[in-house]
Protein backbone atom coordinates (compact mmCIF):
# COMPACT_ATOMS: atom_id res chain seq x y z
CA UNK A 1 0.00 0.00 0.00
CA UNK A 2 1.37 3.39 -1.02
CA UNK A 3 2.09 5.73 1.88
CA UNK A 4 0.49 9.18 1.87
CA UNK A 5 2.86 11.96 0.87
CA UNK A 6 3.96 14.47 3.45
CA UNK A 7 3.63 18.08 2.27
CA UNK A 8 5.87 20.63 3.97
CA UNK A 9 5.00 24.32 3.72
CA UNK A 10 8.15 26.40 4.12
CA UNK A 11 7.53 30.07 4.84
CA UNK A 12 9.25 33.26 5.96
CA UNK A 13 7.64 32.68 9.37
CA UNK A 14 4.91 30.72 11.14
CA UNK A 15 2.87 31.70 14.20
CA UNK A 16 -0.08 30.46 16.25
CA UNK A 17 -1.58 31.25 19.66
CA UNK A 18 -0.29 28.11 21.38
CA UNK A 19 3.45 28.51 21.06
CA UNK A 20 4.30 27.79 17.43
CA UNK A 21 6.58 30.63 16.36
CA UNK A 22 9.53 30.33 14.03
CA UNK A 23 11.36 32.49 11.52
CA UNK A 24 11.79 30.93 9.04
CA UNK A 25 9.12 28.34 9.68
CA UNK A 26 7.63 25.18 8.30
CA UNK A 27 4.42 23.18 8.70
CA UNK A 28 4.29 19.50 7.74
CA UNK A 29 0.96 17.98 6.65
CA UNK A 30 -0.17 14.39 6.16
CA UNK A 31 -3.72 13.07 5.67
CA UNK A 32 -4.95 16.64 5.87
CA UNK A 33 -3.61 17.27 9.36
CA UNK A 34 -0.53 18.92 10.81
CA UNK A 35 2.08 16.39 11.89
CA UNK A 36 4.86 18.82 12.82
CA UNK A 37 5.72 22.53 12.80
CA UNK A 38 8.72 24.66 13.65
CA UNK A 39 12.00 25.75 12.11
CA UNK A 40 12.64 23.96 8.78
CA UNK A 41 15.97 22.63 10.07
CA UNK A 42 14.44 21.05 13.18
CA UNK A 43 11.62 19.02 11.65
CA UNK A 44 11.98 15.29 12.43
CA UNK A 45 13.90 13.22 9.90
CA UNK A 46 10.94 10.85 9.47
CA UNK A 47 8.83 13.83 8.38
CA UNK A 48 11.38 15.04 5.86
CA UNK A 49 11.78 11.64 4.21
CA UNK A 50 10.07 11.61 0.78
CA UNK A 51 8.31 14.90 1.54
CA UNK A 52 7.00 17.35 -1.04
CA UNK A 53 7.99 20.96 -0.36
CA UNK A 54 5.75 23.96 -1.03
CA UNK A 55 7.72 27.17 -0.67
CA UNK A 56 6.11 30.46 0.38
CA UNK A 57 9.30 32.44 1.07
CA UNK A 58 7.60 35.82 1.54
CA UNK A 59 4.67 34.72 3.71
CA UNK A 60 3.77 34.50 7.36
CA UNK A 61 1.64 31.38 7.83
CA UNK A 62 -1.05 31.48 10.51
CA UNK A 63 -3.85 29.10 11.42
CA UNK A 64 -7.08 29.85 9.53
CA UNK A 65 -8.99 32.46 11.53
CA UNK A 66 -12.32 32.16 13.36
CA UNK A 67 -15.28 34.46 12.75
CA UNK A 68 -17.42 33.85 15.82
CA UNK A 69 -20.31 36.12 14.80
CA UNK A 70 -21.61 36.89 11.34
CA UNK A 71 -24.85 37.05 9.32
CA UNK A 72 -24.24 35.18 6.07
CA UNK A 73 -27.75 35.64 4.71
CA UNK A 74 -27.18 39.42 4.50
CA UNK A 75 -24.11 39.11 2.27
CA UNK A 76 -25.99 39.88 -0.94
CA UNK A 77 -26.84 43.36 0.39
CA UNK A 78 -23.17 44.35 0.46
CA UNK A 79 -21.58 47.14 2.53
CA UNK A 80 -24.22 49.79 3.24
CA UNK A 81 -23.63 53.30 4.62
CA UNK A 82 -25.47 53.91 7.89
CA UNK A 83 -28.39 56.27 7.41
CA UNK A 84 -30.23 57.31 10.54
CA UNK A 85 -30.18 55.49 13.86
CA UNK A 86 -30.06 51.79 14.74
CA UNK A 87 -33.84 51.33 14.52
CA UNK A 88 -33.85 52.92 11.06
CA UNK A 89 -31.11 50.49 10.08
CA UNK A 90 -33.20 47.58 11.38
CA UNK A 91 -36.15 48.71 9.29
CA UNK A 92 -33.90 48.72 6.23
CA UNK A 93 -32.60 45.21 6.98
CA UNK A 94 -36.08 43.80 7.53
CA UNK A 95 -37.22 45.15 4.15
CA UNK A 96 -34.07 44.44 2.14
CA UNK A 97 -32.93 41.01 3.34
CA UNK A 98 -33.66 37.99 1.09
CA UNK A 99 -36.89 36.21 2.02
CA UNK A 100 -37.16 33.36 -0.51
CA UNK A 101 -35.07 30.15 -0.22
CA UNK A 102 -32.96 30.55 -3.38
CA UNK A 103 -31.81 34.15 -2.74
CA UNK A 104 -31.12 33.22 0.90
CA UNK A 105 -29.01 30.22 -0.14
CA UNK A 106 -27.17 32.29 -2.76
CA UNK A 107 -26.40 34.99 -0.18
CA UNK A 108 -25.16 32.44 2.36
CA UNK A 109 -22.86 30.80 -0.17
CA UNK A 110 -21.54 34.15 -1.33
CA UNK A 111 -20.69 34.90 2.30
CA UNK A 112 -18.99 31.54 2.72
CA UNK A 113 -16.86 32.08 -0.39
CA UNK A 114 -15.81 35.55 0.75
CA UNK A 115 -14.99 34.14 4.19
CA UNK A 116 -12.81 31.38 2.76
CA UNK A 117 -11.03 33.83 0.49
CA UNK A 118 -10.27 35.98 3.55
CA UNK A 119 -8.59 33.12 5.45
CA UNK A 120 -11.52 32.20 7.70
CA UNK A 121 -11.49 28.54 8.72
CA UNK A 122 -14.47 28.39 11.11
CA UNK A 123 -17.44 30.66 11.65
CA UNK A 124 -20.58 31.10 13.72
CA UNK A 125 -23.50 32.22 11.56
CA UNK A 126 -26.75 33.75 12.79
CA UNK A 127 -29.15 32.00 10.40
CA UNK A 128 -32.39 33.85 9.85
CA UNK A 129 -34.13 30.79 8.42
CA UNK A 130 -33.85 27.04 7.93
CA UNK A 131 -32.99 27.81 4.28
CA UNK A 132 -29.84 29.60 5.49
CA UNK A 133 -28.85 26.51 7.50
CA UNK A 134 -29.50 23.99 4.74
CA UNK A 135 -27.84 26.25 2.17
CA UNK A 136 -24.70 26.19 4.28
CA UNK A 137 -24.81 22.48 5.02
CA UNK A 138 -25.26 21.60 1.35
CA UNK A 139 -22.74 24.10 0.02
CA UNK A 140 -20.28 22.94 -2.65
CA UNK A 141 -16.75 22.21 -1.48
CA UNK A 142 -15.38 25.57 -2.55
CA UNK A 143 -17.94 27.29 -0.28
CA UNK A 144 -17.54 25.16 2.85
CA UNK A 145 -16.52 26.84 6.10
CA UNK A 146 -17.21 24.66 9.16
CA UNK A 147 -18.65 25.93 12.42
CA UNK A 148 -22.09 26.61 13.87
CA UNK A 149 -25.35 27.85 12.35
CA UNK A 150 -27.54 29.43 15.03
CA UNK A 151 -31.22 29.37 14.08
CA UNK A 152 -32.49 32.85 14.91
CA UNK A 153 -35.50 33.02 17.26
CA UNK A 154 -37.94 35.88 17.90
CA UNK A 155 -40.96 36.46 20.12
CA UNK A 156 -42.04 38.78 22.91
CA UNK A 157 -44.89 38.90 25.38
CA UNK A 158 -47.86 36.70 24.56
CA UNK A 159 -46.23 35.49 21.33
CA UNK A 160 -43.51 33.54 23.12
CA UNK A 161 -45.37 30.24 23.47
CA UNK A 162 -46.24 30.08 19.75
CA UNK A 163 -42.68 31.15 18.85
CA UNK A 164 -41.20 28.34 20.94
CA UNK A 165 -43.54 25.86 19.23
CA UNK A 166 -42.48 27.16 15.79
CA UNK A 167 -38.79 26.84 16.69
CA UNK A 168 -39.27 23.26 17.90
CA UNK A 169 -41.06 22.39 14.65
CA UNK A 170 -38.29 23.97 12.58
CA UNK A 171 -35.64 22.06 14.52
CA UNK A 172 -37.48 18.78 13.97
CA UNK A 173 -37.18 19.31 10.21
CA UNK A 174 -33.39 19.90 10.34
CA UNK A 175 -30.93 16.98 10.42
CA UNK A 176 -29.24 17.14 13.81
CA UNK A 177 -25.46 17.03 14.13
CA UNK A 178 -23.55 17.61 17.36
CA UNK A 179 -20.09 17.46 15.81
CA UNK A 180 -18.32 18.24 12.55
CA UNK A 181 -17.02 15.33 10.54
CA UNK A 182 -13.42 16.08 9.63
CA UNK A 183 -13.86 15.22 5.96
CA UNK A 184 -17.27 16.88 5.44
CA UNK A 185 -16.32 19.93 7.54
CA UNK A 186 -19.94 21.08 7.79
CA UNK A 187 -21.89 23.07 10.37
CA UNK A 188 -23.48 21.95 13.61
CA UNK A 189 -26.76 23.40 14.79
CA UNK A 190 -27.27 26.13 17.37
CA UNK A 191 -30.03 28.42 18.61
CA UNK A 192 -29.87 32.21 18.48
CA UNK A 193 -32.56 34.08 20.42
CA UNK A 194 -32.14 37.40 18.67
CA UNK A 195 -31.94 40.07 21.39
CA UNK A 196 -33.78 41.29 24.50
CA UNK A 197 -35.77 43.83 22.46
CA UNK A 198 -37.14 41.10 20.19
CA UNK A 199 -37.03 37.96 22.34
CA UNK A 200 -38.61 37.29 25.73
CA UNK A 201 -37.17 35.45 28.70
CA UNK A 202 -39.33 32.37 28.09
CA UNK A 203 -37.65 31.87 24.71
CA UNK A 204 -34.20 32.19 26.27
CA UNK A 205 -35.18 29.58 28.86
CA UNK A 206 -36.55 27.32 26.12
CA UNK A 207 -33.23 27.66 24.24
CA UNK A 208 -31.43 26.49 27.38
CA UNK A 209 -33.78 23.51 27.68
CA UNK A 210 -33.39 22.55 24.04
CA UNK A 211 -29.63 22.96 24.30
CA UNK A 212 -29.46 20.53 27.21
CA UNK A 213 -31.71 18.08 25.35
CA UNK A 214 -29.75 18.02 22.09
CA UNK A 215 -26.45 19.89 22.71
CA UNK A 216 -27.40 22.88 20.58
CA UNK A 217 -24.89 25.74 20.77
CA UNK A 218 -26.31 29.09 21.95
CA UNK A 219 -25.80 32.71 20.93
CA UNK A 220 -27.56 36.06 21.28
CA UNK A 221 -27.00 39.79 20.79
CA UNK A 222 -26.69 41.54 24.15
CA UNK A 223 -25.95 45.02 25.51
CA UNK A 224 -25.42 46.20 21.95
CA UNK A 225 -27.07 49.64 22.08
CA UNK A 226 -28.23 52.24 24.57
CA UNK A 227 -31.74 51.82 23.12
CA UNK A 228 -31.65 48.15 24.13
CA UNK A 229 -30.65 49.05 27.69
CA UNK A 230 -33.56 51.48 27.89
CA UNK A 231 -36.05 48.97 26.50
CA UNK A 232 -35.08 46.17 28.89
CA UNK A 233 -35.13 48.44 31.93
CA UNK A 234 -38.14 50.62 31.11
CA UNK A 235 -40.02 48.91 28.19
CA UNK A 236 -40.14 52.17 26.25
CA UNK A 237 -38.05 54.16 23.79
CA UNK A 238 -37.27 53.55 20.10
CA UNK A 239 -37.54 49.76 20.30
CA UNK A 240 -40.97 49.96 21.91
CA UNK A 241 -42.10 52.30 19.15
CA UNK A 242 -40.68 49.96 16.50
CA UNK A 243 -42.51 46.96 17.99
CA UNK A 244 -45.78 48.90 17.97
CA UNK A 245 -45.14 49.95 14.36
CA UNK A 246 -44.60 46.32 13.39
CA UNK A 247 -47.69 45.15 15.29
CA UNK A 248 -45.62 43.07 17.74
CA UNK A 249 -46.40 44.92 20.97
CA UNK A 250 -48.69 43.60 23.70
CA UNK A 251 -49.35 44.33 27.37
CA UNK A 252 -47.31 41.31 28.50
CA UNK A 253 -44.14 43.23 27.59
CA UNK A 254 -43.15 44.91 30.85
CA UNK A 255 -40.07 46.70 32.27
CA UNK A 256 -37.50 44.62 34.13
CA UNK A 257 -35.74 47.46 35.94
CA UNK A 258 -32.41 45.85 35.02
CA UNK A 259 -29.52 46.06 32.60
CA UNK A 260 -29.74 43.23 30.00
CA UNK A 261 -26.83 41.23 31.44
CA UNK A 262 -28.15 40.78 35.01
CA UNK A 263 -31.62 40.30 33.53
CA UNK A 264 -30.28 37.34 31.53
CA UNK A 265 -27.92 36.04 34.23
CA UNK A 266 -30.28 33.19 35.32
CA UNK A 267 -30.13 31.92 31.73
CA UNK A 268 -26.40 32.45 31.25
CA UNK A 269 -25.44 30.46 34.32
CA UNK A 270 -27.22 27.31 33.14
CA UNK A 271 -25.59 26.96 29.70
CA UNK A 272 -22.67 28.19 27.62
CA UNK A 273 -23.49 31.24 25.50
CA UNK A 274 -21.76 33.51 23.02
CA UNK A 275 -22.90 37.10 23.48
CA UNK A 276 -22.42 39.30 20.43
CA UNK A 277 -21.19 42.84 21.04
CA UNK A 278 -21.57 43.72 24.77
CA UNK A 279 -20.78 47.34 23.91
CA UNK A 280 -22.28 48.74 27.11
CA UNK A 281 -21.14 47.00 30.29
CA UNK A 282 -20.03 47.94 33.80
CA UNK A 283 -17.69 46.12 36.19
CA UNK A 284 -20.47 44.07 37.78
CA UNK A 285 -21.65 42.95 34.35
CA UNK A 286 -18.13 41.77 33.49
CA UNK A 287 -18.14 39.81 36.75
CA UNK A 288 -21.35 38.07 35.62
CA UNK A 289 -19.82 37.20 32.26
CA UNK A 290 -16.78 35.76 33.99
CA UNK A 291 -18.53 33.61 36.59
CA UNK A 292 -21.11 32.27 34.10
CA UNK A 293 -18.37 31.18 31.68
CA UNK A 294 -19.89 33.28 28.92
CA UNK A 295 -17.97 34.21 25.75
CA UNK A 296 -18.16 37.60 24.06
CA UNK A 297 -17.89 38.04 20.29
CA UNK A 298 -16.57 41.56 19.72
CA UNK A 299 -17.05 43.03 16.24
CA UNK A 300 -14.84 46.14 16.27
CA UNK A 301 -15.55 47.44 12.76
CA UNK A 302 -19.30 47.01 13.22
CA UNK A 303 -19.17 48.72 16.62
CA UNK A 304 -17.46 51.73 15.05
CA UNK A 305 -19.99 51.71 12.19
CA UNK A 306 -22.79 52.24 14.72
CA UNK A 307 -20.82 54.82 16.71
CA UNK A 308 -20.08 52.72 19.79
CA UNK A 309 -16.84 53.66 21.57
CA UNK A 310 -14.54 52.43 24.32
CA UNK A 311 -15.41 48.76 24.20
CA UNK A 312 -14.12 47.01 27.32
CA UNK A 313 -12.76 43.88 25.62
CA UNK A 314 -9.39 44.19 27.35
CA UNK A 315 -11.03 44.62 30.75
CA UNK A 316 -13.11 41.53 30.02
CA UNK A 317 -10.05 39.51 29.05
CA UNK A 318 -8.18 40.66 32.14
CA UNK A 319 -11.15 39.51 34.26
CA UNK A 320 -11.05 36.05 32.65
CA UNK A 321 -13.82 36.42 30.06
CA UNK A 322 -13.27 34.61 26.77
CA UNK A 323 -13.39 37.34 24.10
CA UNK A 324 -13.24 36.44 20.42
CA UNK A 325 -13.77 38.34 17.17
CA UNK A 326 -16.58 38.61 14.63
CA UNK A 327 -17.49 40.68 11.62
CA UNK A 328 -21.24 41.03 12.25
CA UNK A 329 -22.86 41.53 8.82
CA UNK A 330 -21.24 42.70 5.61
CA UNK A 331 -23.48 45.77 5.78
CA UNK A 332 -21.26 47.19 8.53
CA UNK A 333 -17.97 46.86 6.65
CA UNK A 334 -16.31 49.71 4.71
CA UNK A 335 -17.10 49.86 1.01
CA UNK A 336 -13.37 49.94 0.21
CA UNK A 337 -12.52 46.89 2.37
CA UNK A 338 -11.29 44.20 -0.07
CA UNK A 339 -11.98 41.37 2.42
CA UNK A 340 -15.21 42.41 4.18
CA UNK A 341 -15.90 38.94 5.58
CA UNK A 342 -12.40 38.60 7.00
CA UNK A 343 -11.21 38.59 10.59
CA UNK A 344 -7.75 39.94 9.80
CA UNK A 345 -9.20 43.42 9.08
CA UNK A 346 -10.76 43.29 12.56
CA UNK A 347 -7.36 42.46 14.05
CA UNK A 348 -5.72 45.27 12.11
CA UNK A 349 -8.33 47.75 13.34
CA UNK A 350 -7.63 46.91 16.98
CA UNK A 351 -3.85 46.89 16.48
CA UNK A 352 -3.84 50.29 14.80
CA UNK A 353 -6.51 51.92 16.95
CA UNK A 354 -5.68 50.49 20.39
CA UNK A 355 -2.12 49.15 19.95
CA UNK A 356 -3.48 45.82 21.20
CA UNK A 357 -0.81 43.17 21.72
CA UNK A 358 -0.45 41.16 18.47
CA UNK A 359 -0.26 37.85 20.31
CA UNK A 360 -3.51 38.62 22.12
CA UNK A 361 -5.18 39.55 18.83
CA UNK A 362 -4.11 36.23 17.31
CA UNK A 363 -5.54 34.39 20.30
CA UNK A 364 -8.84 36.30 20.02
CA UNK A 365 -8.95 35.47 16.30
CA UNK A 366 -8.21 31.76 16.65
CA UNK A 367 -8.32 29.72 19.86
CA UNK A 368 -10.72 32.04 21.71
CA UNK A 369 -13.14 31.79 18.81
CA UNK A 370 -12.97 28.00 18.83
CA UNK A 371 -13.59 27.93 22.58
CA UNK A 372 -16.65 30.17 22.09
CA UNK A 373 -18.01 27.94 19.32
CA UNK A 374 -17.33 24.89 21.55
CA UNK A 375 -14.79 23.20 19.31
CA UNK A 376 -11.26 22.07 20.02
CA UNK A 377 -8.94 25.05 20.42
CA UNK A 378 -6.17 22.99 18.81
CA UNK A 379 -8.11 23.01 15.53
CA UNK A 380 -7.20 26.69 15.10
CA UNK A 381 -3.46 26.22 15.64
CA UNK A 382 -0.39 24.85 13.88
CA UNK A 383 -0.06 22.13 16.51
CA UNK A 384 0.05 18.40 15.81
CA UNK A 385 -3.33 16.94 14.73
CA UNK A 386 -4.80 20.33 13.77
CA UNK A 387 -6.63 20.44 10.41
CA UNK A 388 -4.32 21.71 7.68
CA UNK A 389 -6.25 24.92 7.05
CA UNK A 390 -4.04 27.98 7.17
CA UNK A 391 -3.90 31.65 6.24
CA UNK A 392 -0.92 33.45 4.75
CA UNK A 393 0.05 37.14 4.72
CA UNK A 394 2.94 38.57 2.73
CA UNK A 395 5.69 40.19 4.80
CA UNK A 396 9.24 41.40 4.22
CA UNK A 397 11.43 38.45 5.20
CA UNK A 398 14.44 40.73 5.48
CA UNK A 399 12.78 43.20 7.86
CA UNK A 400 13.84 42.48 11.47
CA UNK A 401 10.44 43.61 12.74
CA UNK A 402 8.28 40.81 14.21
CA UNK A 403 6.43 39.08 11.32
CA UNK A 404 3.00 39.32 12.96
CA UNK A 405 3.53 43.02 13.66
CA UNK A 406 4.50 43.47 10.01
CA UNK A 407 1.35 41.72 8.84
CA UNK A 408 -0.88 43.83 11.09
CA UNK A 409 0.85 47.03 10.00
CA UNK A 410 0.80 46.40 6.25
CA UNK A 411 -2.24 46.22 3.96
CA UNK A 412 -1.47 42.96 2.18
CA UNK A 413 -4.40 40.65 1.64
CA UNK A 414 -4.61 37.43 3.58
CA UNK A 415 -4.79 34.29 1.42
CA UNK A 416 -6.12 30.82 2.32
CA UNK A 417 -4.24 27.53 2.24
CA UNK A 418 -6.39 24.40 2.49
CA UNK A 419 -4.44 21.15 2.54
CA UNK A 420 -7.12 19.04 4.23
CA UNK A 421 -7.90 17.04 1.10
CA UNK A 422 -4.85 17.53 -1.09
CA UNK A 423 -1.77 15.37 -1.28
CA UNK A 424 0.76 17.28 -3.30
CA UNK A 425 0.41 20.77 -4.66
CA UNK A 426 0.28 24.19 -3.09
CA UNK A 427 -2.98 23.60 -1.22
CA UNK A 428 -4.46 26.93 -2.28
CA UNK A 429 -8.22 27.26 -2.14
């Protein structure tokens, strides 16, 4: 029986968030998985024997990145300048988003392709319909990005019971998977109660129950806007007016007198959740996130798009909260951004704006994202047994500056390398 060929990617440098760092560097792949990484001269002799070499002498090789929060079914709308306030933006999205299965599927697959091209190896998608989930699960190979699809849930007041019933019916029609097969690299199923201004506490509790029954992953938008804080505490303001305008208001919607995070604490402490955004939090809210084991998906470009400032992601990390990165929707990305579904532009924004430590940014963009999505952190590294899905950024190999710093400071596009199915060749997607 013929032995599988070992492919060795030799690069200007390699780097991951779990200790792989070498300049120059090399990553050896067999059967679609990493078998060794490090300096080219220190790879084991057994790995070098009969190996095929793929040289990328001007590149920094990283693990493929993790987008922990995105909305694939909005991709077809493209980057959209913000006009008006957040509720005006929501009205636009409700009217403009695809509503029929084929346009939804096309939009999802467009988003997957753009994600792959931007070096994303796993993502968490907020799926607005079962069509968005099935479109992702049945995507052609060139549009496959594994991860989680969170079925979005809505319902407030007296509508909660019927909404829960509808969600249970939708779930019964979807093939259930609790893990990703390495060769298929598909998406597992999650639940995404939308937000406290569109989803009542009974639905959040039902999501917990369903999660415990079938191991569904869980995600929601929380503490995203000042209008949300006002609605949860007082049941009035722009979101109340929007609900009345849409005919979704009833007298069972009442004020809680609380910030959204303590309001949801009884739910958060009984299951693992990813909270998107958390733009408006105080110290006691960070304490709740930490002791409930909750992850936060921070979308820096989207937060700036909506005018949110001074996100406390570093305070959260210092307190022990798992903070990862997301893009949110393509609508929030700059029109001139060549890789609007990419996580590397999010890293660059934080490096240039906040001078955030490059190693921390890489951790947020890889292993923290995997932890939030409830997958193996090793699968977003260059460590042994990790899937051979990488991202490469061109650097100046002769510049003494740290390669990751170079990549964050320059504007070179990130490119994907997928060697999970290939034997020889360059492994490019």
